Amino acid sequence: MLAKNLCLLLASLVFYAFGEGKNIVLLLFSIAVNYFFGLFIAPGERKHRKLLLFVAVACDLSLLFIYKYLDFTITNINRISGAEIPLRHIALPIGISFFTFQAISYVIDVYRGKVPLQKNPLYVGLYISLFPQLVAGPIVRYETIMKEIKERKESFTGFADGTRRFICGMGKKILLADTMSLFADRIMAKVSDGDNISVSLAWLGALCYTLRIYYDFAGYSDMAIGLGRIFGFRFEENFNYPYTAVSIGDFWRRWHISLASWFRDYVYIPLGGSRVSLWKQYRNILIVWMLTGLWHGAAWNYVLWGTYYAILLMFERLTGYGKKHQLPKVPAHILTVFLTLVGMTIFASPTLAVMGRYLGNMFGIGAAGFADASAGFIIRDNLLFFAGAVAFSMPLGKWLEKKKGIYEALLAAVFGMCIIYIIKGNYSPFIYFNF
């Protein structure tokens, strides 16, 4: 097992160095810092455990701040104070948000006694740098894979299951996400250039982006889970058909599950969670969702996006919607999708000005009419892709998995089509590489 882990650790470091070059130092620094502090914060007779935990988390967050939020902070200080502090223009390392959160979860769980202290630096290094989910998640907890790091067995069944899952994710990314991105980017570019668009085209663009980000990120998660399965690891699911949700709370129990649970366990619950007064619950929800927005990027539209969901979740908490009170399933689903489309538009907009113009066009404010031929042409010429994107956002895949012959033939066709698309050069980077 030592040889297997060493080989996998070296492969993971080479994988990251291939894409990030000198930023491999940051990953190694994160491994070293969290391994070192982990030695001194486990429950026992040692003093100053809480202080050492604070220093460890501060080191992790400082790394994230410098590379992700420093220029954003300087820009806002300059805007408010009139100062002229020069920007640093530091490139964002791929995956820093993901491996930083994994590292933080490790030291906190060791401090809490939730996981045993790991004295072998090889295991800590492998956990933080494991390449299948290193650059775009899901955010894996140490407790999920600590036994598999020490004891795991690769098998033909695991290889086959992992390969099927990987192909499924590749198809989501290349055939669906990349196709939807062509239309989403084209429509958003019109608004970014100062043009007003029709109401129908604006909603179509929102739908395209909503499908794109789902298949892009869920596709990567499938590929990561599949690769992990090939190597004997079982990562937890990161998506559970979020577009079937019937409330916003339900949506966030299904979307990016690893991030939502991370903020729940390491921010929301330590703040008091739901065991405090209603107003403090609102405070906790607002803090968590503003931080969730900032986690996605250093821009005000992400903060507004987080605030938007915080308000919706506060409303559901206040009214009991989704638990005590609920619309019939179909209207509840339609309302949830409607609210999600609005939220994704806030998320996708490059500037606040573009966001305002785009949302205005969606609701007829300044729009170039209610409908035009463009939306109809896009849907008609790409009907198969739209039908597939909508159908596979529902539990159709689960049904197909039970039809072994049909499912495997479909996967073979998907794999062949993906290879053709890759050869043609029709590929765009994963969205979450930017986060």
Protein backbone atom coordinates (compact mmCIF):
# COMPACT_ATOMS: atom_id res chain seq x y z
CA MET A 1 0.00 0.00 0.00
CA LEU A 2 2.91 2.35 0.68
CA ALA A 3 4.09 2.02 -2.92
CA LYS A 4 0.56 2.56 -4.25
CA ASN A 5 0.07 5.71 -2.18
CA LEU A 6 3.47 7.10 -3.03
CA CYS A 7 2.87 6.51 -6.73
CA LEU A 8 -0.57 8.12 -6.54
CA LEU A 9 0.77 11.12 -4.59
CA LEU A 10 3.56 11.69 -7.12
CA ALA A 11 1.09 11.32 -9.99
CA SER A 12 -1.22 13.88 -8.34
CA LEU A 13 1.61 16.37 -7.85
CA VAL A 14 2.81 15.91 -11.43
CA PHE A 15 -0.79 16.33 -12.64
CA TYR A 16 -1.10 19.64 -10.78
CA ALA A 17 2.37 20.82 -11.81
CA PHE A 18 1.54 20.09 -15.45
CA GLY A 19 -1.34 22.54 -15.32
CA GLU A 20 -0.03 25.04 -12.78
CA GLY A 21 3.77 24.93 -12.98
CA LYS A 22 5.27 26.99 -10.18
CA ASN A 23 2.00 27.02 -8.21
CA ILE A 24 2.77 23.47 -7.15
CA VAL A 25 4.64 25.21 -4.32
CA LEU A 26 1.30 26.48 -2.96
CA LEU A 27 -0.13 22.98 -2.88
CA LEU A 28 2.98 21.64 -1.12
CA PHE A 29 2.82 24.54 1.34
CA SER A 30 -0.81 23.74 2.13
CA ILE A 31 0.06 20.08 2.72
CA ALA A 32 3.01 20.96 4.98
CA VAL A 33 1.16 23.58 7.05
CA ASN A 34 -1.89 21.44 7.73
CA TYR A 35 0.15 18.31 8.45
CA PHE A 36 2.35 20.23 10.90
CA PHE A 37 -0.48 21.94 12.78
CA GLY A 38 -2.47 18.70 12.82
CA LEU A 39 0.26 17.18 15.00
CA PHE A 40 -0.41 19.68 17.79
CA ILE A 41 -4.17 20.21 17.79
CA ALA A 42 -5.54 16.70 18.34
CA PRO A 43 -7.43 16.22 21.63
CA GLY A 44 -5.03 15.47 24.51
CA GLU A 45 -2.83 17.15 27.05
CA ARG A 46 -1.38 19.79 24.76
CA LYS A 47 -2.03 23.44 25.54
CA HIS A 48 -3.08 26.20 23.19
CA ARG A 49 -4.90 23.81 20.83
CA LYS A 50 -7.51 26.40 19.95
CA LEU A 51 -4.86 29.03 19.21
CA LEU A 52 -2.96 26.62 16.97
CA LEU A 53 -6.16 25.73 15.14
CA PHE A 54 -6.81 29.43 14.60
CA VAL A 55 -3.30 29.89 13.18
CA ALA A 56 -3.69 26.87 10.87
CA VAL A 57 -7.03 28.09 9.48
CA ALA A 58 -5.64 31.63 9.21
CA CYS A 59 -2.72 30.33 7.12
CA ASP A 60 -5.13 28.51 4.80
CA LEU A 61 -7.45 31.49 4.43
CA SER A 62 -4.52 33.90 3.97
CA LEU A 63 -3.36 31.85 1.02
CA LEU A 64 -6.85 31.99 -0.43
CA PHE A 65 -7.16 35.73 0.26
CA ILE A 66 -3.89 36.68 -1.40
CA TYR A 67 -4.53 34.76 -4.59
CA LYS A 68 -8.27 35.20 -4.89
CA TYR A 69 -9.41 38.32 -3.06
CA LEU A 70 -6.47 40.73 -2.77
CA ASP A 71 -7.12 42.64 -5.99
CA PHE A 72 -10.86 42.70 -5.27
CA THR A 73 -10.16 44.21 -1.86
CA ILE A 74 -7.71 46.78 -3.26
CA THR A 75 -10.17 47.78 -5.98
CA ASN A 76 -12.91 48.46 -3.44
CA ILE A 77 -10.57 50.32 -1.08
CA ASN A 78 -9.47 52.53 -3.99
CA ARG A 79 -13.09 53.12 -5.01
CA ILE A 80 -14.21 54.06 -1.49
CA SER A 81 -11.20 56.08 -0.34
CA GLY A 82 -9.96 57.52 -3.61
CA ALA A 83 -6.57 55.91 -3.03
CA GLU A 84 -4.49 54.60 -5.91
CA ILE A 85 -3.07 51.39 -4.51
CA PRO A 86 -1.75 49.38 -7.47
CA LEU A 87 -3.33 46.04 -8.22
CA ARG A 88 -1.16 42.94 -7.94
CA HIS A 89 -2.70 41.00 -10.88
CA ILE A 90 -1.97 37.64 -9.28
CA ALA A 91 -3.21 34.72 -11.36
CA LEU A 92 -5.67 32.44 -9.58
CA PRO A 93 -4.20 28.93 -9.12
CA ILE A 94 -6.47 26.16 -10.35
CA GLY A 95 -8.33 24.37 -7.61
CA ILE A 96 -7.14 26.56 -4.71
CA SER A 97 -10.66 26.95 -3.32
CA PHE A 98 -11.17 23.20 -3.30
CA PHE A 99 -7.90 21.99 -1.80
CA THR A 100 -7.93 24.84 0.75
CA PHE A 101 -11.36 23.84 2.02
CA GLN A 102 -10.29 20.20 2.19
CA ALA A 103 -7.24 21.20 4.22
CA ILE A 104 -9.34 23.31 6.61
CA SER A 105 -11.82 20.48 7.13
CA TYR A 106 -8.93 18.15 8.01
CA VAL A 107 -7.44 20.31 10.78
CA ILE A 108 -10.87 21.17 12.23
CA ASP A 109 -11.95 17.52 12.27
CA VAL A 110 -8.66 16.53 13.94
CA TYR A 111 -9.17 19.28 16.53
CA ARG A 112 -12.72 18.08 17.21
CA GLY A 113 -11.58 14.47 17.48
CA LYS A 114 -13.86 13.52 14.62
CA VAL A 115 -10.98 11.90 12.74
CA PRO A 116 -7.75 10.46 14.18
CA LEU A 117 -4.54 12.44 13.87
CA GLN A 118 -2.56 11.30 10.86
CA LYS A 119 1.16 11.23 11.64
CA ASN A 120 2.19 10.00 8.21
CA PRO A 121 2.71 13.05 5.93
CA LEU A 122 2.24 10.83 2.88
CA TYR A 123 -1.41 10.22 3.82
CA VAL A 124 -2.14 13.89 4.48
CA GLY A 125 -0.45 14.85 1.23
CA LEU A 126 -2.42 12.28 -0.73
CA TYR A 127 -5.70 13.39 0.82
CA ILE A 128 -5.19 17.07 -0.04
CA SER A 129 -3.71 16.53 -3.50
CA LEU A 130 -5.61 13.47 -4.79
CA PHE A 131 -5.86 14.33 -8.48
CA PRO A 132 -9.36 13.15 -9.56
CA GLN A 133 -11.10 15.89 -7.54
CA LEU A 134 -8.16 18.22 -6.90
CA VAL A 135 -9.00 21.05 -9.29
CA ALA A 136 -12.81 21.21 -9.27
CA GLY A 137 -14.20 19.04 -6.51
CA PRO A 138 -16.19 17.54 -5.03
CA ILE A 139 -14.82 18.69 -1.66
CA VAL A 140 -13.91 15.40 -0.02
CA ARG A 141 -13.71 15.01 3.76
CA TYR A 142 -10.79 13.09 5.25
CA GLU A 143 -13.20 10.81 7.12
CA THR A 144 -14.66 9.72 3.77
CA ILE A 145 -11.44 8.25 2.41
CA MET A 146 -9.11 7.77 5.40
CA LYS A 147 -9.72 4.02 5.49
CA GLU A 148 -9.32 3.72 1.73
CA ILE A 149 -6.00 5.56 1.85
CA LYS A 150 -4.70 2.83 4.16
CA GLU A 151 -6.69 -0.12 2.82
CA ARG A 152 -8.25 -0.26 -0.61
CA LYS A 153 -8.49 -2.78 -3.37
CA GLU A 154 -8.78 -2.13 -7.06
CA SER A 155 -10.99 -4.55 -8.94
CA PHE A 156 -12.30 -5.16 -12.41
CA THR A 157 -15.80 -4.34 -11.18
CA GLY A 158 -14.60 -1.07 -9.71
CA PHE A 159 -12.70 -0.26 -12.89
CA ALA A 160 -15.79 -0.97 -15.01
CA ASP A 161 -18.10 1.05 -12.76
CA GLY A 162 -15.64 3.91 -12.64
CA THR A 163 -15.17 3.91 -16.40
CA ARG A 164 -18.92 4.03 -16.99
CA ARG A 165 -19.26 6.93 -14.57
CA PHE A 166 -16.34 8.75 -16.18
CA ILE A 167 -17.85 8.42 -19.67
CA CYS A 168 -21.19 9.64 -18.33
CA GLY A 169 -19.50 12.74 -16.94
CA MET A 170 -17.51 13.31 -20.11
CA GLY A 171 -20.71 13.19 -22.14
CA LYS A 172 -22.38 15.72 -19.85
CA LYS A 173 -19.46 18.08 -20.25
CA ILE A 174 -18.60 17.80 -23.94
CA LEU A 175 -21.97 17.09 -25.55
CA LEU A 176 -24.33 19.05 -23.31
CA ALA A 177 -22.44 21.69 -21.29
CA ASP A 178 -20.24 22.83 -24.17
CA THR A 179 -23.19 22.98 -26.56
CA MET A 180 -25.29 25.02 -24.11
CA SER A 181 -22.31 27.34 -23.53
CA LEU A 182 -22.28 28.37 -27.19
CA PHE A 183 -25.76 29.85 -26.91
CA ALA A 184 -25.43 31.14 -23.34
CA ASP A 185 -22.20 32.99 -24.15
CA ARG A 186 -23.54 34.37 -27.43
CA ILE A 187 -26.69 35.77 -25.79
CA MET A 188 -24.80 37.18 -22.79
CA ALA A 189 -22.28 38.80 -25.16
CA LYS A 190 -25.10 40.74 -26.85
CA VAL A 191 -26.15 42.25 -23.54
CA SER A 192 -22.53 42.84 -22.51
CA ASP A 193 -22.02 44.83 -25.74
CA GLY A 194 -24.88 47.11 -24.71
CA ASP A 195 -27.64 45.61 -26.85
CA ASN A 196 -31.12 44.89 -25.54
CA ILE A 197 -32.61 41.53 -26.42
CA SER A 198 -36.12 40.14 -26.50
CA VAL A 199 -37.75 38.64 -23.42
CA SER A 200 -37.83 35.19 -25.01
CA LEU A 201 -34.14 35.30 -25.96
CA ALA A 202 -33.18 36.50 -22.47
CA TRP A 203 -35.01 33.59 -20.83
CA LEU A 204 -33.53 31.15 -23.34
CA GLY A 205 -30.05 32.44 -22.49
CA ALA A 206 -30.77 31.98 -18.79
CA LEU A 207 -31.98 28.43 -19.47
CA CYS A 208 -28.88 27.65 -21.54
CA TYR A 209 -26.55 28.89 -18.80
CA THR A 210 -28.51 27.04 -16.12
CA LEU A 211 -28.17 23.78 -18.06
CA ARG A 212 -24.57 24.54 -18.95
CA ILE A 213 -23.32 25.08 -15.41
CA TYR A 214 -25.13 21.97 -14.19
CA TYR A 215 -23.72 19.67 -16.85
CA ASP A 216 -20.29 21.28 -16.64
CA PHE A 217 -19.93 20.84 -12.90
CA ALA A 218 -21.95 17.64 -12.49
CA GLY A 219 -19.99 16.24 -15.44
CA TYR A 220 -16.68 16.98 -13.72
CA SER A 221 -17.99 15.49 -10.47
CA ASP A 222 -19.00 12.32 -12.32
CA MET A 223 -15.56 12.09 -13.89
CA ALA A 224 -13.87 12.61 -10.52
CA ILE A 225 -16.09 10.02 -8.82
CA GLY A 226 -15.42 7.60 -11.68
CA LEU A 227 -11.65 8.05 -11.53
CA GLY A 228 -11.74 7.66 -7.77
CA ARG A 229 -13.68 4.40 -8.16
CA ILE A 230 -11.06 3.11 -10.60
CA PHE A 231 -8.37 3.69 -7.96
CA GLY A 232 -10.44 2.14 -5.17
CA PHE A 233 -11.91 5.30 -3.61
CA ARG A 234 -15.61 5.99 -3.11
CA PHE A 235 -16.28 9.73 -3.16
CA GLU A 236 -19.68 10.94 -2.04
CA GLU A 237 -22.19 12.23 -4.57
CA ASN A 238 -22.09 15.95 -5.35
CA PHE A 239 -25.37 16.33 -7.25
CA ASN A 240 -28.78 14.70 -6.91
CA TYR A 241 -30.91 15.97 -9.80
CA PRO A 242 -31.21 19.55 -8.45
CA TYR A 243 -33.58 20.65 -11.23
CA THR A 244 -36.22 18.31 -9.84
CA ALA A 245 -36.32 20.34 -6.60
CA VAL A 246 -39.61 21.71 -5.30
CA SER A 247 -38.17 24.46 -3.07
CA ILE A 248 -34.95 26.43 -2.78
CA GLY A 249 -33.99 24.51 0.35
CA ASP A 250 -34.56 21.28 -1.59
CA PHE A 251 -32.47 22.64 -4.47
CA TRP A 252 -29.48 23.30 -2.19
CA ARG A 253 -29.74 19.85 -0.69
CA ARG A 254 -29.23 18.54 -4.21
CA TRP A 255 -26.76 21.03 -5.77
CA HIS A 256 -23.00 21.03 -4.98
CA ILE A 257 -23.73 18.91 -1.93
CA SER A 258 -20.12 18.86 -0.74
CA LEU A 259 -19.89 22.68 -0.59
CA ALA A 260 -23.29 23.15 1.06
CA SER A 261 -22.48 20.54 3.71
CA TRP A 262 -19.04 22.11 4.26
CA PHE A 263 -20.53 25.52 5.06
CA ARG A 264 -23.19 23.85 7.21
CA ASP A 265 -20.67 21.94 9.34
CA TYR A 266 -17.87 24.49 9.58
CA VAL A 267 -19.70 27.84 9.53
CA TYR A 268 -23.48 27.57 10.07
CA ILE A 269 -23.49 25.13 13.00
CA PRO A 270 -20.56 26.80 14.85
CA LEU A 271 -22.47 30.10 14.59
CA GLY A 272 -25.36 28.45 16.38
CA GLY A 273 -27.16 26.94 13.44
CA SER A 274 -30.88 26.65 14.01
CA ARG A 275 -30.56 26.31 17.79
CA VAL A 276 -30.74 30.08 18.29
CA SER A 277 -33.44 32.72 17.96
CA LEU A 278 -35.12 33.27 14.60
CA TRP A 279 -33.26 36.53 13.99
CA LYS A 280 -29.91 34.89 14.75
CA GLN A 281 -30.85 32.10 12.36
CA TYR A 282 -31.37 34.76 9.69
CA ARG A 283 -28.00 36.25 10.57
CA ASN A 284 -26.35 32.84 10.26
CA ILE A 285 -28.04 32.15 6.92
CA LEU A 286 -26.96 35.55 5.57
CA ILE A 287 -23.34 35.06 6.68
CA VAL A 288 -23.15 31.58 5.22
CA TRP A 289 -24.62 32.58 1.87
CA MET A 290 -22.57 35.73 1.47
CA LEU A 291 -19.48 33.60 2.14
CA THR A 292 -20.78 30.99 -0.31
CA GLY A 293 -21.09 33.71 -2.93
CA LEU A 294 -17.58 35.00 -2.23
CA TRP A 295 -16.22 31.45 -2.37
CA HIS A 296 -17.29 31.33 -6.01
CA GLY A 297 -15.42 34.47 -6.96
CA ALA A 298 -14.15 37.91 -6.02
CA ALA A 299 -16.95 39.98 -7.56
CA TRP A 300 -20.06 41.72 -6.31
CA ASN A 301 -22.41 39.70 -8.48
CA TYR A 302 -21.38 36.59 -6.51
CA VAL A 303 -22.11 38.39 -3.24
CA LEU A 304 -25.53 39.43 -4.59
CA TRP A 305 -26.12 35.87 -5.78
CA GLY A 306 -25.42 34.55 -2.28
CA THR A 307 -27.62 37.25 -0.75
CA TYR A 308 -30.42 36.38 -3.18
CA TYR A 309 -30.44 32.77 -2.02
CA ALA A 310 -30.13 33.82 1.61
CA ILE A 311 -33.32 35.90 1.27
CA LEU A 312 -35.18 33.04 -0.39
CA LEU A 313 -34.08 30.59 2.31
CA MET A 314 -35.04 33.08 5.04
CA PHE A 315 -38.48 33.35 3.49
CA GLU A 316 -38.85 29.56 3.43
CA ARG A 317 -37.69 29.39 7.06
CA LEU A 318 -40.16 32.12 8.10
CA THR A 319 -43.17 30.66 6.31
CA GLY A 320 -42.35 26.98 6.68
CA TYR A 321 -42.52 26.65 2.90
CA GLY A 322 -41.16 23.32 1.75
CA LYS A 323 -41.88 21.66 5.11
CA LYS A 324 -45.13 22.65 6.77
CA HIS A 325 -46.62 24.42 3.76
CA GLN A 326 -46.11 23.52 0.14
CA LEU A 327 -47.63 24.20 -3.24
CA PRO A 328 -48.68 21.17 -5.27
CA LYS A 329 -45.61 19.47 -6.70
CA VAL A 330 -45.80 20.73 -10.30
CA PRO A 331 -46.35 24.44 -9.44
CA ALA A 332 -43.69 24.17 -6.71
CA HIS A 333 -41.24 22.74 -9.23
CA ILE A 334 -42.02 25.44 -11.80
CA LEU A 335 -41.54 28.17 -9.18
CA THR A 336 -38.22 26.68 -8.05
CA VAL A 337 -36.93 26.50 -11.64
CA PHE A 338 -38.08 30.09 -12.24
CA LEU A 339 -36.20 31.34 -9.16
CA THR A 340 -33.16 29.29 -10.13
CA LEU A 341 -33.06 30.82 -13.61
CA VAL A 342 -33.05 34.29 -12.07
CA GLY A 343 -30.30 33.26 -9.66
CA MET A 344 -28.14 31.78 -12.41
CA THR A 345 -28.45 35.01 -14.38
CA ILE A 346 -27.08 36.95 -11.41
CA PHE A 347 -24.27 34.40 -11.15
CA ALA A 348 -23.39 34.46 -14.86
CA SER A 349 -23.34 38.23 -15.40
CA PRO A 350 -19.79 39.64 -15.83
CA THR A 351 -20.66 43.05 -14.27
CA LEU A 352 -23.44 44.55 -12.19
CA ALA A 353 -24.43 46.79 -15.11
CA VAL A 354 -24.80 43.79 -17.43
CA MET A 355 -26.72 41.95 -14.72
CA GLY A 356 -29.18 44.81 -14.37
CA ARG A 357 -29.71 45.09 -18.12
CA TYR A 358 -30.10 41.32 -18.58
CA LEU A 359 -32.58 40.93 -15.70
CA GLY A 360 -34.48 43.94 -17.03
CA ASN A 361 -34.74 42.30 -20.46
CA MET A 362 -35.97 39.08 -18.86
CA PHE A 363 -38.88 40.97 -17.32
CA GLY A 364 -39.57 43.23 -20.29
CA ILE A 365 -37.73 46.34 -19.06
CA GLY A 366 -35.89 47.82 -22.03
CA ALA A 367 -36.30 44.56 -23.93
CA ALA A 368 -36.33 44.44 -27.73
CA GLY A 369 -39.88 43.12 -27.80
CA PHE A 370 -41.37 40.01 -26.26
CA ALA A 371 -40.18 37.51 -28.86
CA ASP A 372 -38.04 37.37 -31.98
CA ALA A 373 -36.93 34.73 -34.44
CA SER A 374 -33.54 34.15 -32.77
CA ALA A 375 -34.81 32.07 -29.85
CA GLY A 376 -36.93 29.92 -32.15
CA PHE A 377 -34.04 29.33 -34.57
CA ILE A 378 -31.69 28.27 -31.76
CA ILE A 379 -34.18 25.78 -30.31
CA ARG A 380 -35.27 24.42 -33.71
CA ASP A 381 -31.72 23.89 -35.00
CA ASN A 382 -30.53 22.24 -31.78
CA LEU A 383 -33.71 20.51 -30.62
CA LEU A 384 -31.96 17.20 -29.94
CA PHE A 385 -29.43 18.80 -27.61
CA PHE A 386 -32.09 20.77 -25.75
CA ALA A 387 -34.28 17.69 -25.40
CA GLY A 388 -31.33 15.67 -24.10
CA ALA A 389 -30.26 18.41 -21.70
CA VAL A 390 -33.73 18.69 -20.18
CA ALA A 391 -34.35 14.92 -20.12
CA PHE A 392 -31.06 14.02 -18.42
CA SER A 393 -31.56 16.68 -15.75
CA MET A 394 -34.32 14.33 -14.58
CA PRO A 395 -33.71 10.82 -13.14
CA LEU A 396 -33.66 9.29 -16.64
CA GLY A 397 -30.08 8.15 -16.06
CA LYS A 398 -31.08 6.04 -13.08
CA TRP A 399 -33.69 4.27 -15.18
CA LEU A 400 -31.22 3.68 -18.00
CA GLU A 401 -28.62 2.22 -15.63
CA LYS A 402 -31.02 -0.63 -14.93
CA LYS A 403 -31.23 -1.40 -18.68
CA LYS A 404 -27.73 -2.82 -18.92
CA GLY A 405 -27.54 -3.49 -22.63
CA ILE A 406 -29.17 -0.19 -23.63
CA TYR A 407 -27.11 1.79 -21.09
CA GLU A 408 -23.76 0.38 -22.18
CA ALA A 409 -24.57 0.83 -25.87
CA LEU A 410 -25.54 4.43 -25.14
CA LEU A 411 -22.28 5.00 -23.24
CA ALA A 412 -20.30 3.58 -26.17
CA ALA A 413 -22.05 6.00 -28.52
CA VAL A 414 -21.48 8.91 -26.10
CA PHE A 415 -17.78 8.05 -25.83
CA GLY A 416 -17.41 7.94 -29.62
CA MET A 417 -19.18 11.28 -30.03
CA CYS A 418 -17.01 12.86 -27.33
CA ILE A 419 -13.84 11.73 -29.12
CA ILE A 420 -15.13 13.27 -32.35
CA TYR A 421 -15.88 16.57 -30.59
CA ILE A 422 -12.47 16.61 -28.94
CA ILE A 423 -10.73 15.97 -32.27
CA LYS A 424 -12.75 18.79 -33.83
CA GLY A 425 -11.58 21.07 -31.05
CA ASN A 426 -15.08 21.80 -29.70
CA TYR A 427 -14.07 22.00 -26.06
CA SER A 428 -14.10 24.68 -23.37
CA PRO A 429 -12.49 24.60 -19.89
CA PHE A 430 -14.56 23.59 -16.90
CA ILE A 431 -16.33 26.58 -15.33
CA TYR A 432 -15.26 25.64 -11.82
CA PHE A 433 -11.58 25.83 -12.78
CA ASN A 434 -12.14 29.57 -12.19
CA PHE A 435 -13.25 29.08 -8.60
